[in-house]
N, C-alpha and C. Protein backbone atom coordinates (compact mmCIF):
# COMPACT_ATOMS: atom_id res chain seq x y z
N UNK A 1 2.29 19.29 19.20
CA UNK A 1 2.28 17.66 18.31
C UNK A 1 2.42 17.18 19.31
N UNK A 2 2.11 15.67 19.36
CA UNK A 2 2.72 14.65 20.13
C UNK A 2 3.73 14.36 20.57
N UNK A 3 4.72 14.85 19.84
CA UNK A 3 6.21 15.00 20.22
C UNK A 3 6.68 16.24 21.16
N UNK A 4 5.67 16.97 21.21
CA UNK A 4 6.03 18.28 22.14
C UNK A 4 5.49 17.80 23.63
N UNK A 5 4.57 16.68 23.32
CA UNK A 5 3.79 16.52 24.82
C UNK A 5 4.96 16.42 25.98
N UNK A 6 4.81 16.79 27.10
CA UNK A 6 5.14 17.00 28.17
C UNK A 6 5.45 15.40 29.02
N UNK A 7 5.76 15.09 29.93
CA UNK A 7 6.00 13.67 30.28
C UNK A 7 5.01 13.50 31.32
N UNK A 8 4.37 12.34 30.92
CA UNK A 8 3.28 12.25 32.01
C UNK A 8 3.99 11.22 33.51
N UNK A 9 2.99 11.21 34.52
CA UNK A 9 3.27 10.57 35.79
C UNK A 9 2.01 9.55 35.64
N UNK A 10 1.97 8.07 35.57
CA UNK A 10 1.17 7.26 36.25
C UNK A 10 1.67 6.29 37.56
N UNK A 11 0.28 6.69 38.27
CA UNK A 11 0.68 5.64 39.62
C UNK A 11 -0.26 4.39 39.21
N UNK A 12 0.41 3.66 39.76
CA UNK A 12 0.21 2.18 39.10
C UNK A 12 -0.13 1.54 40.90
N UNK A 13 -1.09 0.40 40.94
CA UNK A 13 -1.62 -0.50 41.88
C UNK A 13 -1.61 -1.42 41.23
N UNK A 14 -1.13 -2.85 41.95
CA UNK A 14 -1.59 -4.32 41.04
C UNK A 14 -2.00 -5.05 42.43
N UNK A 15 -3.08 -6.20 42.17
CA UNK A 15 -3.12 -6.95 43.17
C UNK A 15 -3.00 -8.00 42.36
N UNK A 16 -2.45 -9.48 42.53
CA UNK A 16 -2.38 -10.58 41.72
C UNK A 16 -2.94 -11.88 43.13
N UNK A 17 -3.48 -12.97 42.31
CA UNK A 17 -4.06 -13.92 43.06
C UNK A 17 -3.89 -15.28 42.11
N UNK A 18 -3.34 -16.28 42.88
CA UNK A 18 -3.23 -17.27 42.17
C UNK A 18 -4.65 -18.05 42.41
N UNK A 19 -4.90 -18.63 40.87
CA UNK A 19 -6.18 -19.48 41.24
C UNK A 19 -5.90 -20.75 40.30
N UNK A 20 -5.56 -21.87 41.23
CA UNK A 20 -5.15 -23.08 40.11
C UNK A 20 -3.88 -22.91 39.87
N UNK A 21 -4.22 -23.23 37.92
CA UNK A 21 -2.99 -23.21 37.24
C UNK A 21 -2.68 -21.57 36.65
N UNK A 22 -3.35 -20.87 37.19
CA UNK A 22 -3.32 -19.29 36.26
C UNK A 22 -2.89 -18.26 37.54
N UNK A 23 -2.33 -17.35 37.02
CA UNK A 23 -2.66 -16.12 38.04
C UNK A 23 -3.30 -15.05 37.43
N UNK A 24 -4.06 -14.45 38.32
CA UNK A 24 -5.13 -13.37 37.94
C UNK A 24 -4.46 -11.91 38.58
N UNK A 25 -4.28 -11.27 37.76
CA UNK A 25 -3.33 -9.90 37.72
C UNK A 25 -4.53 -8.52 37.75
N UNK A 26 -4.90 -7.71 38.56
CA UNK A 26 -5.47 -6.24 38.12
C UNK A 26 -4.53 -5.52 38.35
N UNK A 27 -4.66 -4.64 37.28
CA UNK A 27 -3.22 -3.42 37.63
C UNK A 27 -4.39 -2.17 36.97
N UNK A 28 -4.03 -1.37 38.22
CA UNK A 28 -5.21 0.01 38.10
C UNK A 28 -4.21 1.05 38.28
N UNK A 29 -4.38 1.86 36.87
CA UNK A 29 -3.31 2.68 36.39
C UNK A 29 -4.32 4.39 36.59
N UNK A 30 -3.23 5.50 37.13
CA UNK A 30 -4.14 6.70 37.39
C UNK A 30 -2.75 7.59 36.76
N UNK A 31 -3.47 8.64 35.86
CA UNK A 31 -2.74 9.86 35.19
C UNK A 31 -2.92 10.83 36.45
N UNK A 32 -1.75 10.97 37.01
CA UNK A 32 -1.65 11.97 37.81
C UNK A 32 -1.12 13.03 37.29
N UNK A 33 -0.68 13.28 36.23
CA UNK A 33 -0.16 14.81 35.43
C UNK A 33 -1.20 15.37 34.42
N UNK A 34 -0.67 16.86 34.32
CA UNK A 34 -1.61 17.23 33.35
C UNK A 34 -1.58 17.16 32.06
N UNK A 35 -0.97 16.08 31.60
CA UNK A 35 -0.99 15.65 30.03
C UNK A 35 -1.29 14.13 29.73
N UNK A 36 -1.99 13.95 28.80
CA UNK A 36 -2.34 12.71 28.74
C UNK A 36 -1.31 11.88 28.44
N UNK A 37 -1.40 10.83 28.88
CA UNK A 37 -0.31 9.35 28.87
C UNK A 37 -0.90 8.91 27.83
N UNK A 38 0.31 8.47 27.03
CA UNK A 38 -0.38 7.76 25.64
C UNK A 38 0.45 6.36 25.68
N UNK A 39 -0.28 5.59 25.18
CA UNK A 39 0.06 4.01 24.55
C UNK A 39 1.20 3.83 25.67
N UNK A 40 0.16 3.91 27.12
CA UNK A 40 0.58 2.70 28.06
C UNK A 40 0.43 1.20 27.99
N UNK A 41 1.39 0.64 28.34
CA UNK A 41 1.42 -0.77 28.18
C UNK A 41 1.52 -1.44 29.41
N UNK A 42 0.66 -2.84 29.69
CA UNK A 42 1.29 -3.18 30.68
C UNK A 42 1.69 -4.57 30.71
N UNK A 43 2.81 -5.06 30.72
CA UNK A 43 3.65 -6.37 30.51
C UNK A 43 3.74 -7.50 31.96
N UNK A 44 3.84 -8.63 32.05
CA UNK A 44 3.96 -9.11 33.10
C UNK A 44 5.32 -10.14 32.79
N UNK A 45 6.32 -9.83 33.88
CA UNK A 45 7.60 -10.03 33.39
C UNK A 45 7.77 -11.09 34.78
N UNK A 46 9.01 -11.65 34.85
CA UNK A 46 9.26 -12.95 35.97
C UNK A 46 10.17 -11.91 36.71
N UNK A 47 9.61 -12.23 38.29
CA UNK A 47 10.38 -11.15 39.18
C UNK A 47 11.78 -11.36 39.12
N UNK A 48 12.68 -12.21 38.91
CA UNK A 48 13.99 -12.48 39.08
C UNK A 48 14.48 -12.29 37.67
N UNK A 49 14.17 -13.04 36.83
CA UNK A 49 14.88 -12.65 35.29
C UNK A 49 14.76 -11.25 34.89
N UNK A 50 13.20 -10.94 34.96
CA UNK A 50 12.63 -9.81 34.13
C UNK A 50 12.40 -10.22 33.07
N UNK A 51 12.24 -11.42 32.72
CA UNK A 51 11.89 -11.93 31.30
C UNK A 51 10.24 -11.76 31.28
N UNK A 52 9.78 -11.38 29.83
CA UNK A 52 8.07 -11.47 30.17
C UNK A 52 7.55 -12.83 30.06
N UNK A 53 6.31 -13.13 30.66
CA UNK A 53 5.81 -13.97 30.73
C UNK A 53 4.61 -14.10 29.43
N UNK A 54 5.02 -15.00 28.75
CA UNK A 54 4.31 -14.94 27.73
C UNK A 54 3.54 -16.40 27.23
N UNK A 55 2.52 -17.08 26.95
CA UNK A 55 1.33 -15.99 26.59
C UNK A 55 0.81 -15.15 27.92
N UNK A 56 0.46 -13.96 27.90
CA UNK A 56 -0.20 -12.90 28.78
C UNK A 56 -1.74 -12.57 28.26
N UNK A 57 -2.74 -12.74 28.74
CA UNK A 57 -3.99 -12.63 27.97
C UNK A 57 -4.49 -11.44 28.96
N UNK A 58 -4.75 -10.12 28.02
CA UNK A 58 -4.85 -8.68 28.85
C UNK A 58 -6.54 -8.46 28.31
N UNK A 59 -7.01 -7.79 29.15
CA UNK A 59 -8.40 -7.42 28.42
C UNK A 59 -8.36 -5.90 27.92
N UNK A 60 -7.25 -5.64 28.16
CA UNK A 60 -7.06 -4.50 27.17
C UNK A 60 -5.40 -3.99 27.62
N UNK A 61 -4.89 -2.96 26.43
CA UNK A 61 -3.59 -2.54 26.38
C UNK A 61 -3.23 -1.59 25.59
N UNK A 62 -2.20 -0.82 25.60
CA UNK A 62 -1.85 0.38 24.46
C UNK A 62 -2.69 1.39 24.92
N UNK A 63 -3.63 1.70 26.15
CA UNK A 63 -4.25 3.00 26.09
C UNK A 63 -3.64 3.97 26.50
N UNK A 64 -4.77 5.23 26.15
CA UNK A 64 -4.47 6.23 26.35
C UNK A 64 -5.23 6.94 27.62
N UNK A 65 -4.36 7.77 28.71
CA UNK A 65 -5.05 7.98 29.93
C UNK A 65 -5.43 9.72 30.10
N UNK A 66 -6.00 10.35 29.85
CA UNK A 66 -6.53 11.92 30.17
C UNK A 66 -5.95 11.98 31.63
N UNK A 67 -5.77 13.31 31.94
CA UNK A 67 -5.36 13.50 32.94
C UNK A 67 -6.44 13.52 34.00
N UNK A 68 -5.67 13.01 34.75
CA UNK A 68 -6.93 12.51 35.85
C UNK A 68 -7.74 10.92 36.08
N UNK A 69 -7.40 10.57 34.60
CA UNK A 69 -8.36 9.17 34.71
C UNK A 69 -7.82 8.37 35.04
N UNK A 70 -8.73 7.20 35.21
CA UNK A 70 -8.01 5.91 35.70
C UNK A 70 -8.62 4.78 34.97
N UNK A 71 -7.76 3.14 34.87
CA UNK A 71 -8.66 2.09 34.49
C UNK A 71 -7.95 1.02 35.02
N UNK A 72 -8.65 -0.01 34.97
CA UNK A 72 -7.85 -1.27 35.61
C UNK A 72 -7.93 -2.06 34.46
N UNK A 73 -6.59 -2.59 34.28
CA UNK A 73 -6.78 -4.06 33.20
C UNK A 73 -6.45 -5.07 33.87
N UNK A 74 -6.78 -5.96 33.50
CA UNK A 74 -7.02 -7.33 34.01
C UNK A 74 -5.97 -8.83 33.01
N UNK A 75 -5.26 -9.36 33.52
CA UNK A 75 -4.24 -9.84 32.80
C UNK A 75 -4.31 -11.42 33.66
N UNK A 76 -4.05 -12.15 32.30
CA UNK A 76 -4.31 -13.88 33.06
C UNK A 76 -3.09 -14.77 32.52
N UNK A 77 -1.87 -15.00 33.54
CA UNK A 77 -1.07 -15.83 32.97
C UNK A 77 -1.09 -17.14 33.42
N UNK A 78 -0.34 -18.38 32.92
CA UNK A 78 -0.37 -19.50 33.38
C UNK A 78 0.94 -19.74 34.60
N UNK A 79 0.69 -20.39 35.30
CA UNK A 79 1.63 -20.64 36.43
C UNK A 79 2.71 -21.41 36.00
N UNK A 80 2.30 -22.42 34.78
CA UNK A 80 3.31 -23.26 34.27
C UNK A 80 4.63 -22.07 33.58
N UNK A 81 3.94 -20.98 33.08
CA UNK A 81 5.00 -20.07 32.09
C UNK A 81 5.68 -19.00 32.78
N UNK A 82 5.41 -19.32 34.51
CA UNK A 82 6.19 -18.21 35.15
C UNK A 82 7.75 -18.63 35.69
N UNK A 83 7.77 -20.12 35.02
CA UNK A 83 9.10 -21.22 35.80
C UNK A 83 9.40 -20.75 36.63
N UNK A 84 8.36 -21.26 37.73
CA UNK A 84 8.33 -21.02 39.34
C UNK A 84 9.14 -19.22 39.92
N UNK A 85 9.09 -18.57 39.07
CA UNK A 85 9.03 -17.36 39.45
C UNK A 85 7.81 -16.40 39.67
N UNK A 86 7.84 -15.46 40.92
CA UNK A 86 6.43 -14.74 41.01
C UNK A 86 6.36 -13.51 39.69
N UNK A 87 5.33 -13.44 39.36
CA UNK A 87 4.85 -12.46 38.56
C UNK A 87 5.22 -11.02 39.17
N UNK A 88 5.61 -10.17 37.79
CA UNK A 88 5.73 -8.67 38.35
C UNK A 88 4.66 -8.01 37.21
N UNK A 89 4.46 -6.88 37.74
CA UNK A 89 3.75 -5.75 36.36
C UNK A 89 4.52 -5.01 36.02
N UNK A 90 4.92 -4.80 34.77
CA UNK A 90 5.76 -3.67 34.44
C UNK A 90 5.23 -2.86 33.48
N UNK A 91 5.27 -1.34 33.61
CA UNK A 91 4.33 -0.49 32.82
C UNK A 91 5.23 0.51 32.53
N UNK A 92 5.22 0.65 30.78
CA UNK A 92 5.59 1.54 29.73
C UNK A 92 4.75 2.52 29.32
N UNK A 93 5.25 3.21 28.61
CA UNK A 93 4.36 4.25 27.38
C UNK A 93 5.37 5.18 26.88
N UNK A 94 4.28 5.69 25.99
CA UNK A 94 5.32 6.77 24.86
C UNK A 94 5.98 7.91 25.73
N UNK A 95 5.06 8.64 26.52
CA UNK A 95 5.75 9.31 27.24
C UNK A 95 5.83 9.72 28.79
N UNK A 96 6.03 8.21 29.20
CA UNK A 96 5.79 8.26 30.91
C UNK A 96 7.21 8.59 31.14
N UNK A 97 7.16 9.19 32.59
CA UNK A 97 8.79 9.58 32.92
C UNK A 97 9.08 8.80 33.63
N UNK A 98 8.26 7.35 33.84
CA UNK A 98 9.12 6.13 34.75
C UNK A 98 8.61 5.05 33.93
N UNK A 99 9.27 3.73 34.43
CA UNK A 99 8.95 2.54 34.16
C UNK A 99 8.77 2.11 35.46
N UNK A 100 7.53 1.71 35.45
CA UNK A 100 6.70 1.24 37.00
C UNK A 100 6.89 -0.10 36.80
N UNK A 101 7.82 -0.80 38.09
CA UNK A 101 7.49 -2.17 38.20
C UNK A 101 6.53 -2.76 39.41
N UNK A 102 5.52 -3.66 39.59
CA UNK A 102 4.84 -3.59 40.82
C UNK A 102 4.68 -5.41 40.83
């Protein structure tokens, strides 16, 4: 069953650009393992404090990636909500063997 799945490895790359009062973030996730990666979630956090930047509007989230599959998630946050810190992307998942921060 799902509880017996092995750990998945997801390669993460992110690009960020500030456009006026907003940050536009594109995060590409690729499952490099032989097992599905389940409930993969992208969060945007403040670089220094690690606190979440909210609201963060994502075009998708809590996704499943089959082995070899890739998906890009686009996220937008307001500059004012960063409280002067640079945004970072944090990736978590049900069976990920790491928490990636980019």
